[in-house]
PDB file of N, CA and C in Angstrom:
ATOM      1  N   MET A   1     -16.536  -4.862   2.508  1.00  0.00           N
ATOM      2  CA  MET A   1     -15.262  -4.639   1.846  1.00  0.00           C
ATOM      3  C   MET A   1     -14.755  -3.238   2.195  1.00  0.00           C
ATOM      4  N   LEU A   2     -13.429  -3.119   2.276  1.00  0.00           N
ATOM      5  CA  LEU A   2     -12.819  -1.830   2.574  1.00  0.00           C
ATOM      6  C   LEU A   2     -12.958  -0.877   1.398  1.00  0.00           C
ATOM      7  N   GLU A   3     -13.162   0.380   1.707  1.00  0.00           N
ATOM      8  CA  GLU A   3     -13.245   1.406   0.673  1.00  0.00           C
ATOM      9  C   GLU A   3     -11.910   2.127   0.602  1.00  0.00           C
ATOM     10  N   ILE A   4     -11.388   2.299  -0.598  1.00  0.00           N
ATOM     11  CA  ILE A   4     -10.144   3.030  -0.791  1.00  0.00           C
ATOM     12  C   ILE A   4     -10.472   4.518  -0.800  1.00  0.00           C
ATOM     13  N   VAL A   5      -9.828   5.268   0.106  1.00  0.00           N
ATOM     14  CA  VAL A   5     -10.095   6.698   0.218  1.00  0.00           C
ATOM     15  C   VAL A   5      -9.288   7.455  -0.828  1.00  0.00           C
ATOM     16  N   LYS A   6      -9.750   8.638  -1.147  1.00  0.00           N
ATOM     17  CA  LYS A   6      -9.093   9.462  -2.165  1.00  0.00           C
ATOM     18  C   LYS A   6      -8.672  10.792  -1.550  1.00  0.00           C
ATOM     19  N   ALA A   7      -7.644  11.396  -2.128  1.00  0.00           N
ATOM     20  CA  ALA A   7      -7.190  12.715  -1.694  1.00  0.00           C
ATOM     21  C   ALA A   7      -8.324  13.696  -1.923  1.00  0.00           C
ATOM     22  N   PRO A   8      -8.501  14.636  -1.047  1.00  0.00           N
ATOM     23  CA  PRO A   8      -7.628  15.106   0.031  1.00  0.00           C
ATOM     24  C   PRO A   8      -8.001  14.581   1.420  1.00  0.00           C
ATOM     25  N   THR A   9      -8.319  13.333   1.599  1.00  0.00           N
ATOM     26  CA  THR A   9      -8.632  12.770   2.912  1.00  0.00           C
ATOM     27  C   THR A   9      -7.436  12.978   3.842  1.00  0.00           C
ATOM     28  N   SER A  10      -7.693  13.494   5.040  1.00  0.00           N
ATOM     29  CA  SER A  10      -6.607  13.909   5.937  1.00  0.00           C
ATOM     30  C   SER A  10      -5.687  12.767   6.363  1.00  0.00           C
ATOM     31  N   ILE A  11      -6.188  11.552   6.475  1.00  0.00           N
ATOM     32  CA  ILE A  11      -5.340  10.437   6.921  1.00  0.00           C
ATOM     33  C   ILE A  11      -4.183  10.185   5.958  1.00  0.00           C
ATOM     34  N   LEU A  12      -4.350  10.562   4.704  1.00  0.00           N
ATOM     35  CA  LEU A  12      -3.300  10.341   3.706  1.00  0.00           C
ATOM     36  C   LEU A  12      -2.080  11.226   3.935  1.00  0.00           C
ATOM     37  N   SER A  13      -2.223  12.284   4.706  1.00  0.00           N
ATOM     38  CA  SER A  13      -1.086  13.170   4.985  1.00  0.00           C
ATOM     39  C   SER A  13      -0.549  13.027   6.405  1.00  0.00           C
ATOM     40  N   GLN A  14      -1.066  12.072   7.154  1.00  0.00           N
ATOM     41  CA  GLN A  14      -0.603  11.840   8.519  1.00  0.00           C
ATOM     42  C   GLN A  14       0.488  10.775   8.542  1.00  0.00           C
ATOM     43  N   LYS A  15       1.374  10.875   9.546  1.00  0.00           N
ATOM     44  CA  LYS A  15       2.378   9.836   9.731  1.00  0.00           C
ATOM     45  C   LYS A  15       1.689   8.616  10.343  1.00  0.00           C
ATOM     46  N   ALA A  16       1.856   7.473   9.699  1.00  0.00           N
ATOM     47  CA  ALA A  16       1.215   6.247  10.176  1.00  0.00           C
ATOM     48  C   ALA A  16       1.903   5.737  11.434  1.00  0.00           C
ATOM     49  N   LYS A  17       1.126   5.062  12.262  1.00  0.00           N
ATOM     50  CA  LYS A  17       1.628   4.521  13.525  1.00  0.00           C
ATOM     51  C   LYS A  17       2.165   3.106  13.311  1.00  0.00           C
ATOM     52  N   PRO A  18       3.220   2.742  14.041  1.00  0.00           N
ATOM     53  CA  PRO A  18       3.743   1.376  13.899  1.00  0.00           C
ATOM     54  C   PRO A  18       2.772   0.338  14.456  1.00  0.00           C
ATOM     55  N   VAL A  19       2.848  -0.841  13.891  1.00  0.00           N
ATOM     56  CA  VAL A  19       2.070  -1.966  14.393  1.00  0.00           C
ATOM     57  C   VAL A  19       2.826  -2.517  15.594  1.00  0.00           C
ATOM     58  N   VAL A  20       2.164  -2.608  16.736  1.00  0.00           N
ATOM     59  CA  VAL A  20       2.799  -3.068  17.968  1.00  0.00           C
ATOM     60  C   VAL A  20       2.723  -4.587  18.092  1.00  0.00           C
ATOM     61  N   LYS A  21       1.598  -5.153  17.686  1.00  0.00           N
ATOM     62  CA  LYS A  21       1.392  -6.597  17.813  1.00  0.00           C
ATOM     63  C   LYS A  21       0.632  -7.103  16.591  1.00  0.00           C
ATOM     64  N   ILE A  22       1.121  -8.183  16.021  1.00  0.00           N
ATOM     65  CA  ILE A  22       0.424  -8.788  14.886  1.00  0.00           C
ATOM     66  C   ILE A  22      -0.553  -9.815  15.458  1.00  0.00           C
ATOM     67  N   ASP A  23      -1.816  -9.420  15.487  1.00  0.00           N
ATOM     68  CA  ASP A  23      -2.857 -10.275  16.045  1.00  0.00           C
ATOM     69  C   ASP A  23      -3.932 -10.542  14.988  1.00  0.00           C
ATOM     70  N   LYS A  24      -5.042 -11.119  15.411  1.00  0.00           N
ATOM     71  CA  LYS A  24      -6.118 -11.463  14.473  1.00  0.00           C
ATOM     72  C   LYS A  24      -6.661 -10.232  13.749  1.00  0.00           C
ATOM     73  N   SER A  25      -6.737  -9.094  14.443  1.00  0.00           N
ATOM     74  CA  SER A  25      -7.287  -7.897  13.800  1.00  0.00           C
ATOM     75  C   SER A  25      -6.347  -7.388  12.699  1.00  0.00           C
ATOM     76  N   ILE A  26      -5.035  -7.457  12.919  1.00  0.00           N
ATOM     77  CA  ILE A  26      -4.074  -7.027  11.899  1.00  0.00           C
ATOM     78  C   ILE A  26      -4.097  -8.002  10.723  1.00  0.00           C
ATOM     79  N   LEU A  27      -4.102  -9.287  11.011  1.00  0.00           N
ATOM     80  CA  LEU A  27      -4.162 -10.285   9.942  1.00  0.00           C
ATOM     81  C   LEU A  27      -5.458 -10.156   9.141  1.00  0.00           C
ATOM     82  N   GLY A  28      -6.557  -9.868   9.830  1.00  0.00           N
ATOM     83  CA  GLY A  28      -7.832  -9.650   9.144  1.00  0.00           C
ATOM     84  C   GLY A  28      -7.795  -8.418   8.265  1.00  0.00           C
ATOM     85  N   LEU A  29      -7.172  -7.342   8.765  1.00  0.00           N
ATOM     86  CA  LEU A  29      -7.030  -6.115   7.975  1.00  0.00           C
ATOM     87  C   LEU A  29      -6.233  -6.397   6.707  1.00  0.00           C
ATOM     88  N   ILE A  30      -5.154  -7.135   6.835  1.00  0.00           N
ATOM     89  CA  ILE A  30      -4.322  -7.458   5.665  1.00  0.00           C
ATOM     90  C   ILE A  30      -5.140  -8.246   4.640  1.00  0.00           C
ATOM     91  N   GLU A  31      -5.919  -9.195   5.081  1.00  0.00           N
ATOM     92  CA  GLU A  31      -6.762  -9.967   4.154  1.00  0.00           C
ATOM     93  C   GLU A  31      -7.793  -9.064   3.466  1.00  0.00           C
ATOM     94  N   GLU A  32      -8.379  -8.148   4.230  1.00  0.00           N
ATOM     95  CA  GLU A  32      -9.344  -7.211   3.638  1.00  0.00           C
ATOM     96  C   GLU A  32      -8.655  -6.283   2.639  1.00  0.00           C
ATOM     97  N   MET A  33      -7.426  -5.867   2.953  1.00  0.00           N
ATOM     98  CA  MET A  33      -6.668  -5.015   2.025  1.00  0.00           C
ATOM     99  C   MET A  33      -6.378  -5.765   0.727  1.00  0.00           C
ATOM    100  N   LYS A  34      -6.052  -7.052   0.836  1.00  0.00           N
ATOM    101  CA  LYS A  34      -5.819  -7.857  -0.370  1.00  0.00           C
ATOM    102  C   LYS A  34      -7.077  -7.887  -1.240  1.00  0.00           C
ATOM    103  N   GLY A  35      -8.237  -8.058  -0.611  1.00  0.00           N
ATOM    104  CA  GLY A  35      -9.494  -8.057  -1.355  1.00  0.00           C
ATOM    105  C   GLY A  35      -9.760  -6.728  -2.028  1.00  0.00           C
ATOM    106  N   ALA A  36      -9.488  -5.629  -1.312  1.00  0.00           N
ATOM    107  CA  ALA A  36      -9.690  -4.290  -1.883  1.00  0.00           C
ATOM    108  C   ALA A  36      -8.763  -4.062  -3.067  1.00  0.00           C
ATOM    109  N   LEU A  37      -7.515  -4.512  -2.935  1.00  0.00           N
ATOM    110  CA  LEU A  37      -6.560  -4.346  -4.033  1.00  0.00           C
ATOM    111  C   LEU A  37      -6.957  -5.198  -5.239  1.00  0.00           C
ATOM    112  N   GLU A  38      -7.367  -6.418  -4.984  1.00  0.00           N
ATOM    113  CA  GLU A  38      -7.802  -7.311  -6.068  1.00  0.00           C
ATOM    114  C   GLU A  38      -8.995  -6.735  -6.829  1.00  0.00           C
ATOM    115  N   ASN A  39      -9.883  -6.055  -6.113  1.00  0.00           N
ATOM    116  CA  ASN A  39     -11.105  -5.534  -6.732  1.00  0.00           C
ATOM    117  C   ASN A  39     -10.961  -4.128  -7.300  1.00  0.00           C
ATOM    118  N   SER A  40      -9.804  -3.493  -7.116  1.00  0.00           N
ATOM    119  CA  SER A  40      -9.640  -2.142  -7.658  1.00  0.00           C
ATOM    120  C   SER A  40      -9.420  -2.239  -9.165  1.00  0.00           C
ATOM    121  N   THR A  41     -10.203  -1.468  -9.889  1.00  0.00           N
ATOM    122  CA  THR A  41     -10.136  -1.526 -11.354  1.00  0.00           C
ATOM    123  C   THR A  41      -9.923  -0.164 -12.000  1.00  0.00           C
ATOM    124  N   ASP A  42     -10.014   0.891 -11.230  1.00  0.00           N
ATOM    125  CA  ASP A  42      -9.916   2.226 -11.818  1.00  0.00           C
ATOM    126  C   ASP A  42      -9.024   3.123 -10.974  1.00  0.00           C
ATOM    127  N   PRO A  43      -7.712   2.966 -11.069  1.00  0.00           N
ATOM    128  CA  PRO A  43      -6.938   2.069 -11.922  1.00  0.00           C
ATOM    129  C   PRO A  43      -6.752   0.705 -11.269  1.00  0.00           C
ATOM    130  N   ILE A  44      -6.209  -0.234 -12.034  1.00  0.00           N
ATOM    131  CA  ILE A  44      -5.876  -1.547 -11.482  1.00  0.00           C
ATOM    132  C   ILE A  44      -4.747  -1.337 -10.489  1.00  0.00           C
ATOM    133  N   GLY A  45      -4.916  -1.860  -9.291  1.00  0.00           N
ATOM    134  CA  GLY A  45      -3.932  -1.618  -8.240  1.00  0.00           C
ATOM    135  C   GLY A  45      -2.783  -2.604  -8.238  1.00  0.00           C
ATOM    136  N   VAL A  46      -1.605  -2.107  -7.847  1.00  0.00           N
ATOM    137  CA  VAL A  46      -0.439  -2.970  -7.650  1.00  0.00           C
ATOM    138  C   VAL A  46       0.073  -2.862  -6.217  1.00  0.00           C
ATOM    139  N   GLY A  47      -0.420  -1.878  -5.477  1.00  0.00           N
ATOM    140  CA  GLY A  47      -0.015  -1.704  -4.091  1.00  0.00           C
ATOM    141  C   GLY A  47      -1.064  -0.923  -3.324  1.00  0.00           C
ATOM    142  N   LEU A  48      -1.081  -1.126  -2.007  1.00  0.00           N
ATOM    143  CA  LEU A  48      -2.078  -0.453  -1.183  1.00  0.00           C
ATOM    144  C   LEU A  48      -1.528  -0.284   0.229  1.00  0.00           C
ATOM    145  N   ALA A  49      -1.613   0.925   0.753  1.00  0.00           N
ATOM    146  CA  ALA A  49      -1.190   1.210   2.124  1.00  0.00           C
ATOM    147  C   ALA A  49      -2.416   1.224   3.033  1.00  0.00           C
ATOM    148  N   ALA A  50      -2.203   0.900   4.295  1.00  0.00           N
ATOM    149  CA  ALA A  50      -3.313   0.886   5.255  1.00  0.00           C
ATOM    150  C   ALA A  50      -3.988   2.255   5.330  1.00  0.00           C
ATOM    151  N   SER A  51      -3.209   3.323   5.204  1.00  0.00           N
ATOM    152  CA  SER A  51      -3.821   4.655   5.259  1.00  0.00           C
ATOM    153  C   SER A  51      -4.795   4.889   4.110  1.00  0.00           C
ATOM    154  N   GLN A  52      -4.611   4.176   3.004  1.00  0.00           N
ATOM    155  CA  GLN A  52      -5.521   4.312   1.866  1.00  0.00           C
ATOM    156  C   GLN A  52      -6.867   3.645   2.120  1.00  0.00           C
ATOM    157  N   VAL A  53      -6.947   2.840   3.170  1.00  0.00           N
ATOM    158  CA  VAL A  53      -8.224   2.248   3.562  1.00  0.00           C
ATOM    159  C   VAL A  53      -8.627   2.781   4.936  1.00  0.00           C
ATOM    160  N   ASN A  54      -8.129   3.985   5.229  1.00  0.00           N
ATOM    161  CA  ASN A  54      -8.516   4.740   6.426  1.00  0.00           C
ATOM    162  C   ASN A  54      -8.051   4.095   7.738  1.00  0.00           C
ATOM    163  N   LYS A  55      -6.920   3.393   7.692  1.00  0.00           N
ATOM    164  CA  LYS A  55      -6.316   2.803   8.886  1.00  0.00           C
ATOM    165  C   LYS A  55      -4.931   3.419   9.046  1.00  0.00           C
ATOM    166  N   ASN A  56      -4.691   4.076  10.157  1.00  0.00           N
ATOM    167  CA  ASN A  56      -3.452   4.807  10.375  1.00  0.00           C
ATOM    168  C   ASN A  56      -2.359   3.880  10.921  1.00  0.00           C
ATOM    169  N   LEU A  57      -1.950   2.903  10.107  1.00  0.00           N
ATOM    170  CA  LEU A  57      -0.952   1.919  10.513  1.00  0.00           C
ATOM    171  C   LEU A  57       0.122   1.771   9.442  1.00  0.00           C
ATOM    172  N   GLN A  58       1.333   1.394   9.875  1.00  0.00           N
ATOM    173  CA  GLN A  58       2.451   1.205   8.956  1.00  0.00           C
ATOM    174  C   GLN A  58       2.393  -0.190   8.328  1.00  0.00           C
ATOM    175  N   ILE A  59       1.470  -0.341   7.408  1.00  0.00           N
ATOM    176  CA  ILE A  59       1.295  -1.597   6.673  1.00  0.00           C
ATOM    177  C   ILE A  59       1.066  -1.242   5.209  1.00  0.00           C
ATOM    178  N   PHE A  60       1.727  -1.966   4.317  1.00  0.00           N
ATOM    179  CA  PHE A  60       1.320  -1.887   2.919  1.00  0.00           C
ATOM    180  C   PHE A  60       1.509  -3.244   2.264  1.00  0.00           C
ATOM    181  N   ILE A  61       0.726  -3.450   1.225  1.00  0.00           N
ATOM    182  CA  ILE A  61       0.810  -4.687   0.466  1.00  0.00           C
ATOM    183  C   ILE A  61       1.114  -4.346  -0.981  1.00  0.00           C
ATOM    184  N   ALA A  62       1.733  -5.294  -1.676  1.00  0.00           N
ATOM    185  CA  ALA A  62       2.055  -5.091  -3.085  1.00  0.00           C
ATOM    186  C   ALA A  62       1.789  -6.381  -3.840  1.00  0.00           C
ATOM    187  N   LYS A  63       1.323  -6.200  -5.057  1.00  0.00           N
ATOM    188  CA  LYS A  63       1.104  -7.316  -5.980  1.00  0.00           C
ATOM    189  C   LYS A  63       1.523  -6.818  -7.367  1.00  0.00           C
ATOM    190  N   PRO A  64       2.840  -6.839  -7.619  1.00  0.00           N
ATOM    191  CA  PRO A  64       3.345  -6.201  -8.838  1.00  0.00           C
ATOM    192  C   PRO A  64       3.093  -6.943 -10.136  1.00  0.00           C
ATOM    193  N   THR A  65       2.616  -8.184 -10.058  1.00  0.00           N
ATOM    194  CA  THR A  65       2.336  -8.952 -11.271  1.00  0.00           C
ATOM    195  C   THR A  65       0.943  -9.583 -11.148  1.00  0.00           C
ATOM    196  N   PRO A  66       0.393 -10.064 -12.249  1.00  0.00           N
ATOM    197  CA  PRO A  66      -0.918 -10.714 -12.176  1.00  0.00           C
ATOM    198  C   PRO A  66      -0.912 -12.022 -11.370  1.00  0.00           C
ATOM    199  N   ALA A  67       0.259 -12.558 -11.065  1.00  0.00           N
ATOM    200  CA  ALA A  67       0.341 -13.789 -10.264  1.00  0.00           C
ATOM    201  C   ALA A  67      -0.361 -13.580  -8.928  1.00  0.00           C
ATOM    202  N   PRO A  68      -0.866 -14.644  -8.317  1.00  0.00           N
ATOM    203  CA  PRO A  68      -1.653 -14.478  -7.087  1.00  0.00           C
ATOM    204  C   PRO A  68      -0.836 -14.122  -5.842  1.00  0.00           C
ATOM    205  N   LYS A  69       0.478 -13.955  -5.960  1.00  0.00           N
ATOM    206  CA  LYS A  69       1.322 -13.690  -4.792  1.00  0.00           C
ATOM    207  C   LYS A  69       1.274 -12.226  -4.367  1.00  0.00           C
ATOM    208  N   PHE A  70       1.036 -12.006  -3.069  1.00  0.00           N
ATOM    209  CA  PHE A  70       1.075 -10.682  -2.464  1.00  0.00           C
ATOM    210  C   PHE A  70       2.321 -10.575  -1.595  1.00  0.00           C
ATOM    211  N   TYR A  71       2.852  -9.377  -1.483  1.00  0.00           N
ATOM    212  CA  TYR A  71       3.939  -9.082  -0.554  1.00  0.00           C
ATOM    213  C   TYR A  71       3.361  -8.162   0.518  1.00  0.00           C
ATOM    214  N   THR A  72       3.610  -8.473   1.770  1.00  0.00           N
ATOM    215  CA  THR A  72       3.088  -7.688   2.881  1.00  0.00           C
ATOM    216  C   THR A  72       4.252  -7.084   3.648  1.00  0.00           C
ATOM    217  N   PHE A  73       4.159  -5.776   3.928  1.00  0.00           N
ATOM    218  CA  PHE A  73       5.199  -5.050   4.653  1.00  0.00           C
ATOM    219  C   PHE A  73       4.576  -4.425   5.897  1.00  0.00           C
ATOM    220  N   ILE A  74       5.149  -4.729   7.046  1.00  0.00           N
ATOM    221  CA  ILE A  74       4.672  -4.183   8.308  1.00  0.00           C
ATOM    222  C   ILE A  74       5.831  -3.434   8.953  1.00  0.00           C
ATOM    223  N   ASN A  75       5.600  -2.181   9.333  1.00  0.00           N
ATOM    224  CA  ASN A  75       6.621  -1.313   9.920  1.00  0.00           C
ATOM    225  C   ASN A  75       7.893  -1.250   9.067  1.00  0.00           C
ATOM    226  N   PRO A  76       7.757  -0.951   7.777  1.00  0.00           N
ATOM    227  CA  PRO A  76       8.941  -0.918   6.913  1.00  0.00           C
ATOM    228  C   PRO A  76       9.873   0.237   7.287  1.00  0.00           C
ATOM    229  N   LYS A  77      11.142   0.057   7.049  1.00  0.00           N
ATOM    230  CA  LYS A  77      12.160   1.080   7.307  1.00  0.00           C
ATOM    231  C   LYS A  77      12.971   1.293   6.033  1.00  0.00           C
ATOM    232  N   ILE A  78      13.289   2.537   5.735  1.00  0.00           N
ATOM    233  CA  ILE A  78      14.185   2.856   4.626  1.00  0.00           C
ATOM    234  C   ILE A  78      15.601   2.792   5.192  1.00  0.00           C
ATOM    235  N   LEU A  79      16.407   1.884   4.697  1.00  0.00           N
ATOM    236  CA  LEU A  79      17.746   1.682   5.235  1.00  0.00           C
ATOM    237  C   LEU A  79      18.816   2.445   4.471  1.00  0.00           C
ATOM    238  N   LYS A  80      18.534   2.738   3.216  1.00  0.00           N
ATOM    239  CA  LYS A  80      19.531   3.409   2.402  1.00  0.00           C
ATOM    240  C   LYS A  80      18.827   4.247   1.348  1.00  0.00           C
ATOM    241  N   THR A  81      19.359   5.409   1.088  1.00  0.00           N
ATOM    242  CA  THR A  81      18.820   6.251   0.030  1.00  0.00           C
ATOM    243  C   THR A  81      19.963   6.666  -0.893  1.00  0.00           C
ATOM    244  N   SER A  82      19.610   7.127  -2.042  1.00  0.00           N
ATOM    245  CA  SER A  82      20.582   7.579  -3.024  1.00  0.00           C
ATOM    246  C   SER A  82      20.094   8.884  -3.631  1.00  0.00           C
ATOM    247  N   LYS A  83      21.014   9.778  -3.900  1.00  0.00           N
ATOM    248  CA  LYS A  83      20.640  11.037  -4.548  1.00  0.00           C
ATOM    249  C   LYS A  83      20.570  10.870  -6.060  1.00  0.00           C
ATOM    250  N   LYS A  84      21.183   9.802  -6.567  1.00  0.00           N
ATOM    251  CA  LYS A  84      21.189   9.552  -8.004  1.00  0.00           C
ATOM    252  C   LYS A  84      19.798   9.150  -8.464  1.00  0.00           C
ATOM    253  N   GLN A  85      19.352   9.788  -9.536  1.00  0.00           N
ATOM    254  CA  GLN A  85      18.065   9.452 -10.111  1.00  0.00           C
ATOM    255  C   GLN A  85      18.250   9.163 -11.591  1.00  0.00           C
ATOM    256  N   GLU A  86      17.564   8.152 -12.043  1.00  0.00           N
ATOM    257  CA  GLU A  86      17.631   7.802 -13.446  1.00  0.00           C
ATOM    258  C   GLU A  86      16.349   8.259 -14.118  1.00  0.00           C
ATOM    259  N   VAL A  87      16.480   8.982 -15.194  1.00  0.00           N
ATOM    260  CA  VAL A  87      15.318   9.478 -15.922  1.00  0.00           C
ATOM    261  C   VAL A  87      15.326   8.830 -17.306  1.00  0.00           C
ATOM    262  N   LYS A  88      14.242   8.177 -17.630  1.00  0.00           N
ATOM    263  CA  LYS A  88      14.122   7.565 -18.950  1.00  0.00           C
ATOM    264  C   LYS A  88      13.179   8.405 -19.789  1.00  0.00           C
ATOM    265  N   LYS A  89      13.597   8.674 -20.994  1.00  0.00           N
ATOM    266  CA  LYS A  89      12.760   9.466 -21.892  1.00  0.00           C
ATOM    267  C   LYS A  89      11.814   8.541 -22.638  1.00  0.00           C
ATOM    268  N   ALA A  90      10.583   8.975 -22.765  1.00  0.00           N
ATOM    269  CA  ALA A  90       9.579   8.205 -23.495  1.00  0.00           C
ATOM    270  C   ALA A  90       9.811   8.356 -24.988  1.00  0.00           C
ATOM    271  N   LYS A  91       9.592   7.273 -25.709  1.00  0.00           N
ATOM    272  CA  LYS A  91       9.711   7.337 -27.167  1.00  0.00           C
ATOM    273  C   LYS A  91       8.435   7.904 -27.740  1.00  0.00           C
ATOM    274  N   VAL A  92       8.584   8.864 -28.620  1.00  0.00           N
ATOM    275  CA  VAL A  92       7.435   9.484 -29.274  1.00  0.00           C
ATOM    276  C   VAL A  92       7.261   8.845 -30.645  1.00  0.00           C
ATOM    277  N   LYS A  93       6.045   8.384 -30.888  1.00  0.00           N
ATOM    278  CA  LYS A  93       5.779   7.744 -32.196  1.00  0.00           C
ATOM    279  C   LYS A  93       5.124   8.712 -33.128  1.00  0.00           C
TER     280      LYS A  93
END
């Protein structure tokens, strides 16, 4: 099983390389990443980047709900940004 690396591991601050070809090794890595994310408990994971498992590639997966569906992103691009930020204040009890 893949081990999730922790800061200050140097790969976490490097620019990840694009995936050139989606082959068996990339598909296998994605499956292993899903297993690592499923097994993370401290904290429970909702997303995982390839660099977090010591692979310098532009891949990340997300599982934002307990449902078994994963979302896989390969070579993602930010197409639009906004300077507007919304800040929500926490309620104090």
